Protein backbone atom coordinates (compact mmCIF):
# COMPACT_ATOMS: atom_id res chain seq x y z
CA ALA A 1 -8.84 82.66 28.14
CA ALA A 2 -10.24 79.91 28.68
CA GLN A 3 -9.08 78.16 26.27
CA THR A 4 -5.60 79.77 26.45
CA SER A 5 -4.80 78.57 29.39
CA LEU A 6 -5.98 74.70 28.72
CA ALA A 7 -3.23 75.00 26.27
CA VAL A 8 -0.24 76.57 29.13
CA GLU A 9 -1.56 73.23 31.05
CA ARG A 10 -0.98 71.42 28.46
CA TYR A 11 2.25 72.57 27.89
CA ARG A 12 3.76 72.24 31.45
CA LEU A 13 2.17 69.21 31.74
CA ALA A 14 4.68 67.61 28.47
CA GLU A 15 7.08 70.03 28.89
CA GLY A 16 7.10 70.19 32.82
CA ARG A 17 7.98 73.94 33.09
CA LEU A 18 5.41 77.19 32.21
CA PRO A 19 6.02 78.75 28.81
CA GLN A 20 8.13 82.18 28.69
CA SER A 21 5.02 83.02 26.73
CA LEU A 22 1.90 82.46 24.52
CA ASN A 23 3.86 81.96 21.34
CA ASN A 24 5.60 78.65 22.83
CA LEU A 25 2.29 77.28 22.60
CA VAL A 26 2.01 77.65 18.64
CA PRO A 27 0.98 75.05 16.82
CA ALA A 28 1.15 72.47 19.03
CA TYR A 29 -1.14 73.55 21.54
CA ILE A 30 -3.02 76.54 19.83
CA GLU A 31 -3.05 77.28 16.17
CA ALA A 32 -2.73 81.13 17.12
CA VAL A 33 -2.80 82.99 20.25
CA PRO A 34 -5.78 84.51 20.29
CA ALA A 35 -7.05 88.14 19.84
CA ASP A 36 -7.60 90.80 22.40
CA PRO A 37 -11.27 91.37 21.89
CA TYR A 38 -10.44 95.50 23.09
CA ASP A 39 -7.59 96.21 21.27
CA GLY A 40 -7.40 93.29 18.79
CA HIS A 41 -3.88 92.15 19.91
CA PRO A 42 -2.65 88.69 21.50
CA LEU A 43 -3.49 88.07 24.55
CA LYS A 44 -1.45 88.48 27.26
CA TYR A 45 0.29 86.55 29.66
CA ARG A 46 2.39 86.54 32.84
CA THR A 47 3.95 83.52 35.42
CA LEU A 48 3.46 84.25 39.12
CA GLU A 49 4.71 82.83 42.19
CA THR A 50 1.64 80.51 41.81
CA GLY A 51 0.91 79.97 38.50
CA PHE A 52 -0.15 82.42 35.99
CA VAL A 53 -2.60 84.33 34.15
CA VAL A 54 -3.80 84.74 30.86
CA TYR A 55 -5.81 88.66 30.25
CA SER A 56 -7.55 90.75 28.72
CA ILE A 57 -6.72 94.74 28.90
CA GLY A 58 -10.77 95.59 29.42
CA ASP A 59 -12.72 98.00 29.07
CA ASP A 60 -10.15 101.09 29.99
CA ARG A 61 -8.10 99.48 27.38
CA SER A 62 -5.28 99.51 28.89
CA ASP A 63 -2.12 96.81 30.39
CA ASP A 64 -2.84 96.88 33.89
CA GLY A 65 -0.44 93.56 33.99
CA GLY A 66 -3.14 91.62 34.44
CA ALA A 67 -4.33 93.17 37.82
CA GLU A 68 -8.03 91.90 38.72
CA ARG A 69 -10.74 93.89 39.49
CA GLY A 70 -12.87 93.25 42.42
CA LYS A 71 -16.33 92.42 42.39
CA GLY A 72 -18.72 95.51 41.20
CA GLU A 73 -15.59 97.89 41.61
CA ARG A 74 -15.57 101.00 39.61
CA GLY A 75 -12.77 103.26 38.88
CA PRO A 76 -13.38 107.41 40.03
CA ARG A 77 -16.57 109.07 38.72
CA GLY A 78 -17.97 105.42 37.23
CA LYS A 79 -15.55 105.55 34.89
CA PRO A 80 -14.05 101.46 34.13
CA ALA A 81 -11.64 100.93 36.62
CA PRO A 82 -7.95 100.17 35.96
CA TRP A 83 -8.01 96.63 36.24
CA ASP A 84 -7.46 93.63 33.41
CA ILE A 85 -9.62 91.10 32.16
CA THR A 86 -7.97 88.11 33.88
CA PHE A 87 -7.83 84.38 33.98
CA ILE A 88 -5.85 82.73 37.01
CA VAL A 89 -4.49 79.84 37.74
CA GLU A 90 -2.58 79.11 40.38
CA ARG A 91 -1.44 75.56 42.52
């Protein structure tokens, strides 16, 4: 996610705006959108008011829209919590 986030920033610097999707980065900034290790699908991305987030669905294997997990938080009965693994860039 870190390398993909750097590619998003390079795109923003060159184009003056954030990409609409990670596919806009291919092939000029990255060869392909990296696969999420949890489901094999491309990493997820969305813009925020203050930047953007690149994320993996995480060990609950559910797309929670880039919801960030608090440090040490777990779901009910110690199960994986309903959050994603995020890389957030704010400006």
